Amino acid sequence: MFPDLDYARLKRSCQYFVEHYASAEFDAGSHPLKLLEQDELLRTIRDKQALVVAIADFVDGTQDFCRERVSEIDRDLQKRDAYTLSFLREHFASLRDKI
């Protein structure tokens, strides 16, 4: 679905969002990254699409974040060598415009 994006970096971005914004919503058996890890050997295009959808949902949920908060998240994600929120916002906005 997004061959230009690195799966590992997408996964690190998703991990950040889950840890900071949704960790209380998941138990050990339903944590999205744990489920991904269990299935990584069998990963298919559908897995990457599910990851992209999850990230898109998080990105959409940050639209009301102030510039300072976005910069803080960007720094945290850069430290993890993950895609920044600013990059993801731009990337997903350009894809949304194409649809």
C-alpha atoms as a PDB file:
ATOM      1  CA  MET A   1       0.000   0.000   0.000  1.00  0.00           C
ATOM      2  CA  PHE A   2       2.846   2.403   0.868  1.00  0.00           C
ATOM      3  CA  PRO A   3       5.980   0.819  -0.589  1.00  0.00           C
ATOM      4  CA  ASP A   4       7.981   4.001  -0.004  1.00  0.00           C
ATOM      5  CA  LEU A   5       7.602   3.733   3.789  1.00  0.00           C
ATOM      6  CA  ASP A   6       9.848   1.516   5.891  1.00  0.00           C
ATOM      7  CA  TYR A   7       7.850  -1.031   7.897  1.00  0.00           C
ATOM      8  CA  ALA A   8      10.174  -0.967  10.921  1.00  0.00           C
ATOM      9  CA  ARG A   9      10.008   2.821  11.159  1.00  0.00           C
ATOM     10  CA  LEU A  10       6.217   2.731  10.827  1.00  0.00           C
ATOM     11  CA  LYS A  11       6.111   0.169  13.611  1.00  0.00           C
ATOM     12  CA  ARG A  12       8.248   2.368  15.900  1.00  0.00           C
ATOM     13  CA  SER A  13       5.950   5.314  15.191  1.00  0.00           C
ATOM     14  CA  CYS A  14       2.910   3.212  16.049  1.00  0.00           C
ATOM     15  CA  GLN A  15       4.595   1.952  19.216  1.00  0.00           C
ATOM     16  CA  TYR A  16       5.116   5.533  20.372  1.00  0.00           C
ATOM     17  CA  PHE A  17       1.464   6.432  19.772  1.00  0.00           C
ATOM     18  CA  VAL A  18       0.198   3.325  21.560  1.00  0.00           C
ATOM     19  CA  GLU A  19       2.499   3.910  24.541  1.00  0.00           C
ATOM     20  CA  HIS A  20       1.553   7.564  24.916  1.00  0.00           C
ATOM     21  CA  TYR A  21      -2.091   7.641  23.892  1.00  0.00           C
ATOM     22  CA  ALA A  22      -3.662   4.199  24.084  1.00  0.00           C
ATOM     23  CA  SER A  23      -1.663   1.880  26.349  1.00  0.00           C
ATOM     24  CA  ALA A  24      -4.417   1.676  28.975  1.00  0.00           C
ATOM     25  CA  GLU A  25      -6.873   0.449  26.343  1.00  0.00           C
ATOM     26  CA  PHE A  26      -5.044  -2.819  25.663  1.00  0.00           C
ATOM     27  CA  ASP A  27      -4.345  -5.906  27.736  1.00  0.00           C
ATOM     28  CA  ALA A  28      -1.413  -8.207  27.073  1.00  0.00           C
ATOM     29  CA  GLY A  29      -3.395 -10.261  24.566  1.00  0.00           C
ATOM     30  CA  SER A  30      -4.812  -7.368  22.571  1.00  0.00           C
ATOM     31  CA  HIS A  31      -1.855  -4.987  22.412  1.00  0.00           C
ATOM     32  CA  PRO A  32      -1.497  -4.168  18.698  1.00  0.00           C
ATOM     33  CA  LEU A  33       2.284  -4.371  18.627  1.00  0.00           C
ATOM     34  CA  LYS A  34       2.325  -7.692  20.448  1.00  0.00           C
ATOM     35  CA  LEU A  35      -0.137  -9.014  17.892  1.00  0.00           C
ATOM     36  CA  LEU A  36       2.073  -7.728  15.086  1.00  0.00           C
ATOM     37  CA  GLU A  37       5.147  -9.365  16.607  1.00  0.00           C
ATOM     38  CA  GLN A  38       3.345 -12.708  16.872  1.00  0.00           C
ATOM     39  CA  ASP A  39       2.522 -12.606  13.200  1.00  0.00           C
ATOM     40  CA  GLU A  40       5.670 -11.004  11.776  1.00  0.00           C
ATOM     41  CA  LEU A  41       6.887 -14.233  10.238  1.00  0.00           C
ATOM     42  CA  LEU A  42       3.622 -14.405   8.338  1.00  0.00           C
ATOM     43  CA  ARG A  43       3.455 -10.698   7.605  1.00  0.00           C
ATOM     44  CA  THR A  44       1.703  -9.799   4.381  1.00  0.00           C
ATOM     45  CA  ILE A  45       0.699  -6.646   2.627  1.00  0.00           C
ATOM     46  CA  ARG A  46      -2.462  -6.694   4.728  1.00  0.00           C
ATOM     47  CA  ASP A  47      -0.381  -6.397   7.915  1.00  0.00           C
ATOM     48  CA  LYS A  48       1.301  -3.266   6.638  1.00  0.00           C
ATOM     49  CA  GLN A  49      -2.047  -1.857   5.594  1.00  0.00           C
ATOM     50  CA  ALA A  50      -3.409  -2.452   9.106  1.00  0.00           C
ATOM     51  CA  LEU A  51      -0.393  -0.665  10.573  1.00  0.00           C
ATOM     52  CA  VAL A  52      -0.882   2.266   8.204  1.00  0.00           C
ATOM     53  CA  VAL A  53      -4.577   2.475   9.127  1.00  0.00           C
ATOM     54  CA  ALA A  54      -3.705   2.491  12.841  1.00  0.00           C
ATOM     55  CA  ILE A  55      -1.131   5.242  12.337  1.00  0.00           C
ATOM     56  CA  ALA A  56      -3.540   7.230  10.172  1.00  0.00           C
ATOM     57  CA  ASP A  57      -6.068   7.090  13.019  1.00  0.00           C
ATOM     58  CA  PHE A  58      -3.481   8.384  15.491  1.00  0.00           C
ATOM     59  CA  VAL A  59      -2.337  11.100  13.083  1.00  0.00           C
ATOM     60  CA  ASP A  60      -5.931  12.158  12.546  1.00  0.00           C
ATOM     61  CA  GLY A  61      -6.395  12.343  16.310  1.00  0.00           C
ATOM     62  CA  THR A  62      -3.537  14.847  16.605  1.00  0.00           C
ATOM     63  CA  GLN A  63      -5.012  17.504  14.344  1.00  0.00           C
ATOM     64  CA  ASP A  64      -5.810  19.753  17.312  1.00  0.00           C
ATOM     65  CA  PHE A  65      -2.316  19.478  18.852  1.00  0.00           C
ATOM     66  CA  CYS A  66      -0.464  22.770  19.149  1.00  0.00           C
ATOM     67  CA  ARG A  67       2.787  23.310  17.246  1.00  0.00           C
ATOM     68  CA  GLU A  68       4.848  22.878  20.432  1.00  0.00           C
ATOM     69  CA  ARG A  69       3.264  19.500  21.189  1.00  0.00           C
ATOM     70  CA  VAL A  70       3.873  18.330  17.618  1.00  0.00           C
ATOM     71  CA  SER A  71       7.523  19.419  17.899  1.00  0.00           C
ATOM     72  CA  GLU A  72       7.864  17.514  21.175  1.00  0.00           C
ATOM     73  CA  ILE A  73       6.389  14.364  19.614  1.00  0.00           C
ATOM     74  CA  ASP A  74       8.653  14.800  16.573  1.00  0.00           C
ATOM     75  CA  ARG A  75      11.734  14.904  18.822  1.00  0.00           C
ATOM     76  CA  ASP A  76      10.603  11.799  20.714  1.00  0.00           C
ATOM     77  CA  LEU A  77      10.007   9.929  17.466  1.00  0.00           C
ATOM     78  CA  GLN A  78      13.351  11.059  15.997  1.00  0.00           C
ATOM     79  CA  LYS A  79      15.103   9.603  19.046  1.00  0.00           C
ATOM     80  CA  ARG A  80      13.497   6.270  18.161  1.00  0.00           C
ATOM     81  CA  ASP A  81      14.484   6.590  14.498  1.00  0.00           C
ATOM     82  CA  ALA A  82      10.774   6.556  13.710  1.00  0.00           C
ATOM     83  CA  TYR A  83       8.788   8.689  11.300  1.00  0.00           C
ATOM     84  CA  THR A  84       7.921  12.017  12.882  1.00  0.00           C
ATOM     85  CA  LEU A  85       4.372  13.177  13.358  1.00  0.00           C
ATOM     86  CA  SER A  86       5.047  16.107  11.037  1.00  0.00           C
ATOM     87  CA  PHE A  87       6.247  13.740   8.314  1.00  0.00           C
ATOM     88  CA  LEU A  88       3.300  11.405   8.824  1.00  0.00           C
ATOM     89  CA  ARG A  89       0.833  14.289   8.747  1.00  0.00           C
ATOM     90  CA  GLU A  90       2.308  15.517   5.473  1.00  0.00           C
ATOM     91  CA  HIS A  91       2.482  12.037   3.975  1.00  0.00           C
ATOM     92  CA  PHE A  92      -1.056  11.067   4.903  1.00  0.00           C
ATOM     93  CA  ALA A  93      -2.464  14.455   3.884  1.00  0.00           C
ATOM     94  CA  SER A  94      -0.936  14.108   0.422  1.00  0.00           C
ATOM     95  CA  LEU A  95      -2.389  10.599   0.115  1.00  0.00           C
ATOM     96  CA  ARG A  96      -5.792  11.791   1.309  1.00  0.00           C
ATOM     97  CA  ASP A  97      -5.698  14.531  -1.340  1.00  0.00           C
ATOM     98  CA  LYS A  98      -5.120  11.894  -4.032  1.00  0.00           C
ATOM     99  CA  ILE A  99      -8.171   9.871  -3.005  1.00  0.00           C
END
